[in-house]
PDB file of N, CA and C in Angstrom:
ATOM      1  N   MET A   1     -28.985  67.591 -54.164  1.00  0.00           N
ATOM      2  CA  MET A   1     -27.812  67.180 -53.418  1.00  0.00           C
ATOM      3  C   MET A   1     -26.578  67.788 -54.063  1.00  0.00           C
ATOM      4  N   ASN A   2     -25.654  68.236 -53.249  1.00  0.00           N
ATOM      5  CA  ASN A   2     -24.413  68.830 -53.734  1.00  0.00           C
ATOM      6  C   ASN A   2     -23.351  67.756 -53.929  1.00  0.00           C
ATOM      7  N   CYS A   3     -22.573  67.935 -54.971  1.00  0.00           N
ATOM      8  CA  CYS A   3     -21.477  67.005 -55.272  1.00  0.00           C
ATOM      9  C   CYS A   3     -20.129  67.636 -54.966  1.00  0.00           C
ATOM     10  N   GLY A   4     -20.074  68.486 -53.981  1.00  0.00           N
ATOM     11  CA  GLY A   4     -18.837  69.172 -53.641  1.00  0.00           C
ATOM     12  C   GLY A   4     -17.965  68.336 -52.725  1.00  0.00           C
ATOM     13  N   TYR A   5     -16.922  68.976 -52.222  1.00  0.00           N
ATOM     14  CA  TYR A   5     -15.953  68.300 -51.362  1.00  0.00           C
ATOM     15  C   TYR A   5     -15.970  68.807 -49.933  1.00  0.00           C
ATOM     16  N   GLY A   6     -16.822  69.783 -49.659  1.00  0.00           N
ATOM     17  CA  GLY A   6     -16.866  70.343 -48.321  1.00  0.00           C
ATOM     18  C   GLY A   6     -15.735  71.314 -48.041  1.00  0.00           C
ATOM     19  N   ARG A   7     -15.031  71.716 -49.080  1.00  0.00           N
ATOM     20  CA  ARG A   7     -13.993  72.733 -48.952  1.00  0.00           C
ATOM     21  C   ARG A   7     -14.082  73.618 -50.192  1.00  0.00           C
ATOM     22  N   GLY A   8     -13.570  74.815 -50.092  1.00  0.00           N
ATOM     23  CA  GLY A   8     -13.722  75.742 -51.195  1.00  0.00           C
ATOM     24  C   GLY A   8     -12.407  76.194 -51.796  1.00  0.00           C
ATOM     25  N   LEU A   9     -12.514  76.788 -52.959  1.00  0.00           N
ATOM     26  CA  LEU A   9     -11.383  77.406 -53.651  1.00  0.00           C
ATOM     27  C   LEU A   9     -11.805  78.821 -54.018  1.00  0.00           C
ATOM     28  N   SER A  10     -10.835  79.710 -54.027  1.00  0.00           N
ATOM     29  CA  SER A  10     -11.149  81.065 -54.460  1.00  0.00           C
ATOM     30  C   SER A  10     -11.253  81.101 -55.975  1.00  0.00           C
ATOM     31  N   VAL A  11     -11.874  82.148 -56.482  1.00  0.00           N
ATOM     32  CA  VAL A  11     -11.955  82.343 -57.929  1.00  0.00           C
ATOM     33  C   VAL A  11     -10.549  82.401 -58.514  1.00  0.00           C
ATOM     34  N   LEU A  12      -9.645  83.080 -57.830  1.00  0.00           N
ATOM     35  CA  LEU A  12      -8.269  83.184 -58.327  1.00  0.00           C
ATOM     36  C   LEU A  12      -7.569  81.829 -58.360  1.00  0.00           C
ATOM     37  N   GLU A  13      -7.835  80.974 -57.394  1.00  0.00           N
ATOM     38  CA  GLU A  13      -7.245  79.631 -57.413  1.00  0.00           C
ATOM     39  C   GLU A  13      -7.737  78.835 -58.619  1.00  0.00           C
ATOM     40  N   VAL A  14      -9.017  78.959 -58.936  1.00  0.00           N
ATOM     41  CA  VAL A  14      -9.566  78.265 -60.102  1.00  0.00           C
ATOM     42  C   VAL A  14      -8.970  78.856 -61.379  1.00  0.00           C
ATOM     43  N   LEU A  15      -8.888  80.180 -61.470  1.00  0.00           N
ATOM     44  CA  LEU A  15      -8.302  80.810 -62.653  1.00  0.00           C
ATOM     45  C   LEU A  15      -6.836  80.435 -62.819  1.00  0.00           C
ATOM     46  N   ASP A  16      -6.104  80.304 -61.734  1.00  0.00           N
ATOM     47  CA  ASP A  16      -4.717  79.860 -61.820  1.00  0.00           C
ATOM     48  C   ASP A  16      -4.643  78.444 -62.402  1.00  0.00           C
ATOM     49  N   ALA A  17      -5.578  77.592 -62.021  1.00  0.00           N
ATOM     50  CA  ALA A  17      -5.627  76.236 -62.577  1.00  0.00           C
ATOM     51  C   ALA A  17      -5.952  76.281 -64.067  1.00  0.00           C
ATOM     52  N   VAL A  18      -6.824  77.199 -64.477  1.00  0.00           N
ATOM     53  CA  VAL A  18      -7.137  77.367 -65.904  1.00  0.00           C
ATOM     54  C   VAL A  18      -5.879  77.806 -66.649  1.00  0.00           C
ATOM     55  N   ASP A  19      -5.128  78.729 -66.082  1.00  0.00           N
ATOM     56  CA  ASP A  19      -3.871  79.164 -66.693  1.00  0.00           C
ATOM     57  C   ASP A  19      -2.940  77.973 -66.916  1.00  0.00           C
ATOM     58  N   ARG A  20      -2.798  77.141 -65.898  1.00  0.00           N
ATOM     59  CA  ARG A  20      -1.897  75.987 -66.006  1.00  0.00           C
ATOM     60  C   ARG A  20      -2.389  75.001 -67.063  1.00  0.00           C
ATOM     61  N   ALA A  21      -3.681  74.736 -67.090  1.00  0.00           N
ATOM     62  CA  ALA A  21      -4.234  73.795 -68.072  1.00  0.00           C
ATOM     63  C   ALA A  21      -4.141  74.343 -69.480  1.00  0.00           C
ATOM     64  N   ASN A  22      -4.293  75.638 -69.621  1.00  0.00           N
ATOM     65  CA  ASN A  22      -4.265  76.292 -70.921  1.00  0.00           C
ATOM     66  C   ASN A  22      -2.842  76.522 -71.426  1.00  0.00           C
ATOM     67  N   GLY A  23      -1.897  76.522 -70.516  1.00  0.00           N
ATOM     68  CA  GLY A  23      -0.509  76.775 -70.891  1.00  0.00           C
ATOM     69  C   GLY A  23      -0.192  78.243 -71.082  1.00  0.00           C
ATOM     70  N   ALA A  24      -1.126  79.097 -70.774  1.00  0.00           N
ATOM     71  CA  ALA A  24      -0.938  80.543 -70.891  1.00  0.00           C
ATOM     72  C   ALA A  24      -1.946  81.227 -69.976  1.00  0.00           C
ATOM     73  N   PRO A  25      -1.580  82.399 -69.466  1.00  0.00           N
ATOM     74  CA  PRO A  25      -2.520  83.104 -68.581  1.00  0.00           C
ATOM     75  C   PRO A  25      -3.701  83.680 -69.358  1.00  0.00           C
ATOM     76  N   ILE A  26      -4.847  83.691 -68.695  1.00  0.00           N
ATOM     77  CA  ILE A  26      -6.004  84.369 -69.265  1.00  0.00           C
ATOM     78  C   ILE A  26      -6.095  85.742 -68.625  1.00  0.00           C
ATOM     79  N   GLU A  27      -6.622  86.682 -69.366  1.00  0.00           N
ATOM     80  CA  GLU A  27      -6.725  88.052 -68.858  1.00  0.00           C
ATOM     81  C   GLU A  27      -7.721  88.119 -67.708  1.00  0.00           C
ATOM     82  N   ARG A  28      -7.361  88.881 -66.705  1.00  0.00           N
ATOM     83  CA  ARG A  28      -8.228  89.061 -65.540  1.00  0.00           C
ATOM     84  C   ARG A  28      -8.512  90.543 -65.355  1.00  0.00           C
ATOM     85  N   LEU A  29      -9.740  90.845 -65.041  1.00  0.00           N
ATOM     86  CA  LEU A  29     -10.134  92.208 -64.707  1.00  0.00           C
ATOM     87  C   LEU A  29     -10.630  92.165 -63.264  1.00  0.00           C
ATOM     88  N   MET A  30      -9.862  92.732 -62.372  1.00  0.00           N
ATOM     89  CA  MET A  30     -10.185  92.689 -60.949  1.00  0.00           C
ATOM     90  C   MET A  30     -11.124  93.838 -60.605  1.00  0.00           C
ATOM     91  N   GLU A  31     -12.238  93.495 -59.994  1.00  0.00           N
ATOM     92  CA  GLU A  31     -13.214  94.481 -59.531  1.00  0.00           C
ATOM     93  C   GLU A  31     -13.674  94.084 -58.148  1.00  0.00           C
ATOM     94  N   GLY A  32     -14.367  94.986 -57.494  1.00  0.00           N
ATOM     95  CA  GLY A  32     -14.874  94.707 -56.162  1.00  0.00           C
ATOM     96  C   GLY A  32     -16.022  93.712 -56.184  1.00  0.00           C
ATOM     97  N   ARG A  33     -16.324  93.203 -55.033  1.00  0.00           N
ATOM     98  CA  ARG A  33     -17.429  92.261 -54.876  1.00  0.00           C
ATOM     99  C   ARG A  33     -18.743  92.975 -55.189  1.00  0.00           C
ATOM    100  N   ARG A  34     -19.622  92.283 -55.872  1.00  0.00           N
ATOM    101  CA  ARG A  34     -20.934  92.841 -56.192  1.00  0.00           C
ATOM    102  C   ARG A  34     -21.822  92.839 -54.946  1.00  0.00           C
ATOM    103  N   ALA A  35     -22.754  93.748 -54.904  1.00  0.00           N
ATOM    104  CA  ALA A  35     -23.694  93.801 -53.784  1.00  0.00           C
ATOM    105  C   ALA A  35     -24.424  92.464 -53.680  1.00  0.00           C
ATOM    106  N   GLY A  36     -24.458  91.915 -52.486  1.00  0.00           N
ATOM    107  CA  GLY A  36     -25.159  90.657 -52.265  1.00  0.00           C
ATOM    108  C   GLY A  36     -24.301  89.420 -52.423  1.00  0.00           C
ATOM    109  N   ASP A  37     -23.092  89.546 -52.990  1.00  0.00           N
ATOM    110  CA  ASP A  37     -22.202  88.388 -53.119  1.00  0.00           C
ATOM    111  C   ASP A  37     -21.735  87.940 -51.739  1.00  0.00           C
ATOM    112  N   PRO A  38     -21.840  86.652 -51.449  1.00  0.00           N
ATOM    113  CA  PRO A  38     -21.335  86.170 -50.168  1.00  0.00           C
ATOM    114  C   PRO A  38     -19.810  86.137 -50.185  1.00  0.00           C
ATOM    115  N   PRO A  39     -19.190  86.264 -49.034  1.00  0.00           N
ATOM    116  CA  PRO A  39     -17.733  86.225 -48.992  1.00  0.00           C
ATOM    117  C   PRO A  39     -17.163  84.844 -49.314  1.00  0.00           C
ATOM    118  N   MET A  40     -17.987  83.793 -49.119  1.00  0.00           N
ATOM    119  CA  MET A  40     -17.502  82.438 -49.340  1.00  0.00           C
ATOM    120  C   MET A  40     -18.693  81.508 -49.587  1.00  0.00           C
ATOM    121  N   LEU A  41     -18.512  80.545 -50.484  1.00  0.00           N
ATOM    122  CA  LEU A  41     -19.497  79.485 -50.707  1.00  0.00           C
ATOM    123  C   LEU A  41     -18.772  78.152 -50.709  1.00  0.00           C
ATOM    124  N   ILE A  42     -19.263  77.217 -49.939  1.00  0.00           N
ATOM    125  CA  ILE A  42     -18.681  75.879 -49.912  1.00  0.00           C
ATOM    126  C   ILE A  42     -19.822  74.880 -50.042  1.00  0.00           C
ATOM    127  N   SER A  43     -19.688  73.995 -51.004  1.00  0.00           N
ATOM    128  CA  SER A  43     -20.712  72.998 -51.263  1.00  0.00           C
ATOM    129  C   SER A  43     -20.568  71.837 -50.270  1.00  0.00           C
ATOM    130  N   ALA A  44     -21.584  71.619 -49.470  1.00  0.00           N
ATOM    131  CA  ALA A  44     -21.583  70.513 -48.517  1.00  0.00           C
ATOM    132  C   ALA A  44     -22.132  69.266 -49.201  1.00  0.00           C
ATOM    133  N   ASN A  45     -21.399  68.169 -49.137  1.00  0.00           N
ATOM    134  CA  ASN A  45     -21.822  66.961 -49.845  1.00  0.00           C
ATOM    135  C   ASN A  45     -22.309  65.848 -48.926  1.00  0.00           C
ATOM    136  N   GLN A  46     -22.509  66.122 -47.661  1.00  0.00           N
ATOM    137  CA  GLN A  46     -22.863  65.059 -46.720  1.00  0.00           C
ATOM    138  C   GLN A  46     -24.154  64.339 -47.098  1.00  0.00           C
ATOM    139  N   ARG A  47     -25.135  65.053 -47.608  1.00  0.00           N
ATOM    140  CA  ARG A  47     -26.408  64.415 -47.955  1.00  0.00           C
ATOM    141  C   ARG A  47     -26.236  63.383 -49.065  1.00  0.00           C
ATOM    142  N   ILE A  48     -25.473  63.723 -50.110  1.00  0.00           N
ATOM    143  CA  ILE A  48     -25.280  62.771 -51.202  1.00  0.00           C
ATOM    144  C   ILE A  48     -24.445  61.572 -50.739  1.00  0.00           C
ATOM    145  N   LEU A  49     -23.477  61.822 -49.855  1.00  0.00           N
ATOM    146  CA  LEU A  49     -22.676  60.725 -49.321  1.00  0.00           C
ATOM    147  C   LEU A  49     -23.519  59.784 -48.479  1.00  0.00           C
ATOM    148  N   ASP A  50     -24.466  60.346 -47.718  1.00  0.00           N
ATOM    149  CA  ASP A  50     -25.338  59.535 -46.867  1.00  0.00           C
ATOM    150  C   ASP A  50     -26.418  58.807 -47.658  1.00  0.00           C
ATOM    151  N   THR A  51     -26.815  59.359 -48.805  1.00  0.00           N
ATOM    152  CA  THR A  51     -27.966  58.849 -49.547  1.00  0.00           C
ATOM    153  C   THR A  51     -27.588  57.859 -50.643  1.00  0.00           C
ATOM    154  N   LEU A  52     -26.540  58.138 -51.347  1.00  0.00           N
ATOM    155  CA  LEU A  52     -26.163  57.327 -52.505  1.00  0.00           C
ATOM    156  C   LEU A  52     -24.854  56.584 -52.267  1.00  0.00           C
ATOM    157  N   ASP A  53     -24.650  55.550 -53.048  1.00  0.00           N
ATOM    158  CA  ASP A  53     -23.371  54.845 -53.038  1.00  0.00           C
ATOM    159  C   ASP A  53     -22.443  55.588 -53.993  1.00  0.00           C
ATOM    160  N   TRP A  54     -22.032  56.773 -53.574  1.00  0.00           N
ATOM    161  CA  TRP A  54     -21.231  57.657 -54.419  1.00  0.00           C
ATOM    162  C   TRP A  54     -20.250  58.416 -53.564  1.00  0.00           C
ATOM    163  N   LYS A  55     -19.100  58.652 -54.127  1.00  0.00           N
ATOM    164  CA  LYS A  55     -18.142  59.568 -53.512  1.00  0.00           C
ATOM    165  C   LYS A  55     -17.382  60.237 -54.637  1.00  0.00           C
ATOM    166  N   PRO A  56     -16.890  61.449 -54.410  1.00  0.00           N
ATOM    167  CA  PRO A  56     -16.158  62.157 -55.461  1.00  0.00           C
ATOM    168  C   PRO A  56     -14.916  61.366 -55.863  1.00  0.00           C
ATOM    169  N   LYS A  57     -14.690  61.288 -57.164  1.00  0.00           N
ATOM    170  CA  LYS A  57     -13.527  60.567 -57.676  1.00  0.00           C
ATOM    171  C   LYS A  57     -12.311  61.480 -57.791  1.00  0.00           C
ATOM    172  N   TYR A  58     -12.534  62.715 -58.172  1.00  0.00           N
ATOM    173  CA  TYR A  58     -11.446  63.661 -58.394  1.00  0.00           C
ATOM    174  C   TYR A  58     -11.573  64.836 -57.438  1.00  0.00           C
ATOM    175  N   ASP A  59     -10.461  65.215 -56.826  1.00  0.00           N
ATOM    176  CA  ASP A  59     -10.504  66.393 -55.962  1.00  0.00           C
ATOM    177  C   ASP A  59      -9.330  67.330 -56.216  1.00  0.00           C
ATOM    178  N   ASP A  60      -8.584  67.094 -57.284  1.00  0.00           N
ATOM    179  CA  ASP A  60      -7.466  67.952 -57.638  1.00  0.00           C
ATOM    180  C   ASP A  60      -7.931  68.970 -58.672  1.00  0.00           C
ATOM    181  N   ILE A  61      -7.894  70.257 -58.319  1.00  0.00           N
ATOM    182  CA  ILE A  61      -8.431  71.294 -59.204  1.00  0.00           C
ATOM    183  C   ILE A  61      -7.706  71.310 -60.545  1.00  0.00           C
ATOM    184  N   ASP A  62      -6.417  71.028 -60.573  1.00  0.00           N
ATOM    185  CA  ASP A  62      -5.697  71.003 -61.844  1.00  0.00           C
ATOM    186  C   ASP A  62      -6.229  69.902 -62.768  1.00  0.00           C
ATOM    187  N   GLN A  63      -6.494  68.729 -62.210  1.00  0.00           N
ATOM    188  CA  GLN A  63      -7.039  67.623 -63.004  1.00  0.00           C
ATOM    189  C   GLN A  63      -8.459  67.937 -63.467  1.00  0.00           C
ATOM    190  N   ILE A  64      -9.265  68.486 -62.586  1.00  0.00           N
ATOM    191  CA  ILE A  64     -10.650  68.810 -62.926  1.00  0.00           C
ATOM    192  C   ILE A  64     -10.708  69.838 -64.051  1.00  0.00           C
ATOM    193  N   VAL A  65      -9.915  70.900 -63.936  1.00  0.00           N
ATOM    194  CA  VAL A  65      -9.914  71.955 -64.954  1.00  0.00           C
ATOM    195  C   VAL A  65      -9.339  71.428 -66.272  1.00  0.00           C
ATOM    196  N   ALA A  66      -8.260  70.644 -66.211  1.00  0.00           N
ATOM    197  CA  ALA A  66      -7.668  70.098 -67.435  1.00  0.00           C
ATOM    198  C   ALA A  66      -8.669  69.194 -68.151  1.00  0.00           C
ATOM    199  N   ASP A  67      -9.373  68.351 -67.412  1.00  0.00           N
ATOM    200  CA  ASP A  67     -10.388  67.478 -68.025  1.00  0.00           C
ATOM    201  C   ASP A  67     -11.518  68.301 -68.637  1.00  0.00           C
ATOM    202  N   ALA A  68     -11.970  69.329 -67.929  1.00  0.00           N
ATOM    203  CA  ALA A  68     -13.058  70.172 -68.439  1.00  0.00           C
ATOM    204  C   ALA A  68     -12.627  70.910 -69.703  1.00  0.00           C
ATOM    205  N   LEU A  69     -11.408  71.425 -69.712  1.00  0.00           N
ATOM    206  CA  LEU A  69     -10.904  72.139 -70.884  1.00  0.00           C
ATOM    207  C   LEU A  69     -10.765  71.188 -72.077  1.00  0.00           C
ATOM    208  N   ARG A  70     -10.252  69.994 -71.829  1.00  0.00           N
ATOM    209  CA  ARG A  70     -10.135  68.983 -72.887  1.00  0.00           C
ATOM    210  C   ARG A  70     -11.513  68.641 -73.463  1.00  0.00           C
ATOM    211  N   TRP A  71     -12.505  68.486 -72.592  1.00  0.00           N
ATOM    212  CA  TRP A  71     -13.877  68.183 -73.011  1.00  0.00           C
ATOM    213  C   TRP A  71     -14.442  69.308 -73.873  1.00  0.00           C
ATOM    214  N   GLU A  72     -14.277  70.549 -73.415  1.00  0.00           N
ATOM    215  CA  GLU A  72     -14.792  71.699 -74.165  1.00  0.00           C
ATOM    216  C   GLU A  72     -14.118  71.825 -75.528  1.00  0.00           C
ATOM    217  N   ARG A  73     -12.826  71.579 -75.573  1.00  0.00           N
ATOM    218  CA  ARG A  73     -12.113  71.643 -76.861  1.00  0.00           C
ATOM    219  C   ARG A  73     -12.600  70.553 -77.803  1.00  0.00           C
ATOM    220  N   LYS A  74     -12.875  69.365 -77.262  1.00  0.00           N
ATOM    221  CA  LYS A  74     -13.388  68.267 -78.082  1.00  0.00           C
ATOM    222  C   LYS A  74     -14.773  68.625 -78.632  1.00  0.00           C
ATOM    223  N   LEU A  75     -15.620  69.211 -77.824  1.00  0.00           N
ATOM    224  CA  LEU A  75     -16.932  69.636 -78.287  1.00  0.00           C
ATOM    225  C   LEU A  75     -16.811  70.681 -79.400  1.00  0.00           C
ATOM    226  N   LEU A  76     -15.891  71.605 -79.229  1.00  0.00           N
ATOM    227  CA  LEU A  76     -15.673  72.642 -80.223  1.00  0.00           C
ATOM    228  C   LEU A  76     -15.209  72.027 -81.559  1.00  0.00           C
ATOM    229  N   GLU A  77     -14.309  71.059 -81.480  1.00  0.00           N
ATOM    230  CA  GLU A  77     -13.818  70.387 -82.694  1.00  0.00           C
ATOM    231  C   GLU A  77     -14.937  69.662 -83.424  1.00  0.00           C
ATOM    232  N   THR A  78     -15.811  69.001 -82.712  1.00  0.00           N
ATOM    233  CA  THR A  78     -16.893  68.240 -83.353  1.00  0.00           C
ATOM    234  C   THR A  78     -17.998  69.154 -83.865  1.00  0.00           C
ATOM    235  N   ALA A  79     -18.115  70.356 -83.287  1.00  0.00           N
ATOM    236  CA  ALA A  79     -19.170  71.289 -83.721  1.00  0.00           C
ATOM    237  C   ALA A  79     -18.736  72.171 -84.892  1.00  0.00           C
ATOM    238  N   THR A  80     -17.421  72.268 -85.106  1.00  0.00           N
ATOM    239  CA  THR A  80     -16.898  73.127 -86.143  1.00  0.00           C
ATOM    240  C   THR A  80     -16.591  72.304 -87.400  1.00  0.00           C
ATOM    241  N   PRO A  81     -17.214  72.620 -88.540  1.00  0.00           N
ATOM    242  CA  PRO A  81     -16.904  71.866 -89.753  1.00  0.00           C
ATOM    243  C   PRO A  81     -15.446  72.070 -90.177  1.00  0.00           C
ATOM    244  N   ALA A  82     -14.852  71.032 -90.711  1.00  0.00           N
ATOM    245  CA  ALA A  82     -13.441  71.103 -91.137  1.00  0.00           C
ATOM    246  C   ALA A  82     -13.287  71.830 -92.445  1.00  0.00           C
TER     247      ALA A  82
END
């Protein structure tokens, strides 16, 4: 079952959110689409909504990316000896 929102974001939109969460831009190397890459992917969540007592709590990409970055930094801190 997919846990998506039924709408999509471009790679650039996600990277822009990473820039905002990081407080600085990350380097981007723009290249053409790879052979076989679909033009768009959107995760449909209707099955999980119909099956489980669950709904997405967060749908703001800035909040999602900031939380993920905070989590990754915390993991890095605990894995790195002082």
